[in-house]
């Protein structure tokens, strides 16, 4: 049964990945594109460092100094960003 009074919303769906990723930029430490750099991003960076996370998009976002590897330097930068330093 179709409802004739159905109106679609103008807002983007909150779970669409493409909408979330469009606001995420490289170099800000926000690996998961949540809109803020926090402990979740630090955890992701550590998992990437230990190679338990192989998501290439997140690996690229975690490499803050663009040397093609995620190491302690990148993790420290993400920690500093999350602390506002």
Protein backbone atom coordinates (compact mmCIF):
# COMPACT_ATOMS: atom_id res chain seq x y z
CA UNK A 1 0.00 0.00 0.00
CA UNK A 2 1.43 3.37 -0.99
CA UNK A 3 0.83 6.46 1.05
CA UNK A 4 -0.05 9.47 -1.02
CA UNK A 5 0.98 11.92 1.71
CA UNK A 6 4.58 10.72 1.82
CA UNK A 7 7.09 13.55 1.49
CA UNK A 8 10.80 12.86 1.16
CA UNK A 9 13.13 14.76 3.42
CA UNK A 10 15.52 17.33 1.99
CA UNK A 11 18.24 16.40 4.49
CA UNK A 12 20.87 13.79 3.61
CA UNK A 13 20.50 10.42 5.26
CA UNK A 14 22.78 10.31 8.36
CA UNK A 15 24.19 6.89 7.48
CA UNK A 16 25.25 7.60 3.92
CA UNK A 17 29.00 7.13 3.70
CA UNK A 18 29.39 9.43 0.71
CA UNK A 19 27.89 12.35 2.64
CA UNK A 20 30.22 11.77 5.61
CA UNK A 21 33.30 11.36 3.46
CA UNK A 22 32.64 14.49 1.46
CA UNK A 23 33.25 16.64 4.55
CA UNK A 24 36.40 14.76 5.53
CA UNK A 25 39.75 16.12 4.42
CA UNK A 26 43.23 14.67 4.55
CA UNK A 27 45.65 16.09 7.08
CA UNK A 28 43.25 17.06 9.84
CA UNK A 29 43.64 13.78 11.76
CA UNK A 30 39.97 12.87 11.43
CA UNK A 31 40.52 9.34 10.12
CA UNK A 32 36.94 8.15 10.59
CA UNK A 33 35.36 11.36 9.20
CA UNK A 34 33.29 11.94 12.31
CA UNK A 35 33.85 15.67 12.17
CA UNK A 36 36.31 15.74 15.06
CA UNK A 37 39.71 14.29 15.90
CA UNK A 38 39.45 12.19 19.04
CA UNK A 39 40.42 8.89 20.70
CA UNK A 40 38.64 6.92 17.96
CA UNK A 41 41.04 8.38 15.39
CA UNK A 42 44.03 7.65 17.62
CA UNK A 43 42.86 4.05 17.98
CA UNK A 44 42.43 3.74 14.21
CA UNK A 45 45.95 5.10 13.65
CA UNK A 46 47.42 2.61 16.11
CA UNK A 47 45.54 -0.24 14.41
CA UNK A 48 46.88 0.93 11.05
CA UNK A 49 50.39 1.08 12.51
CA UNK A 50 50.11 -2.52 13.73
CA UNK A 51 48.54 -3.49 10.39
CA UNK A 52 45.28 -4.74 11.89
CA UNK A 53 43.40 -2.11 9.89
CA UNK A 54 44.01 -2.36 6.14
CA UNK A 55 41.38 0.14 4.95
CA UNK A 56 43.30 2.07 2.30
CA UNK A 57 41.21 5.23 2.61
CA UNK A 58 41.83 5.38 6.36
CA UNK A 59 45.53 4.58 5.86
CA UNK A 60 45.80 7.55 3.52
CA UNK A 61 44.04 9.86 6.02
CA UNK A 62 46.27 8.62 8.87
CA UNK A 63 49.49 9.45 7.00
CA UNK A 64 49.65 13.09 8.08
CA UNK A 65 53.22 13.76 6.95
CA UNK A 66 52.66 12.12 3.52
CA UNK A 67 55.64 9.75 3.66
CA UNK A 68 53.49 6.77 2.58
CA UNK A 69 53.80 5.00 5.95
CA UNK A 70 51.82 5.38 9.16
CA UNK A 71 54.22 5.50 12.07
CA UNK A 72 54.62 7.03 15.53
CA UNK A 73 55.12 10.48 14.01
CA UNK A 74 51.66 10.35 12.45
CA UNK A 75 50.13 8.97 15.65
CA UNK A 76 51.74 11.76 17.70
CA UNK A 77 50.38 14.37 15.29
CA UNK A 78 46.88 12.92 15.63
CA UNK A 79 47.21 12.97 19.44
CA UNK A 80 48.36 16.61 19.31
CA UNK A 81 45.46 17.59 17.07
CA UNK A 82 42.98 15.84 19.38
CA UNK A 83 44.43 17.72 22.38
CA UNK A 84 44.40 21.01 20.51
CA UNK A 85 48.18 21.40 20.61
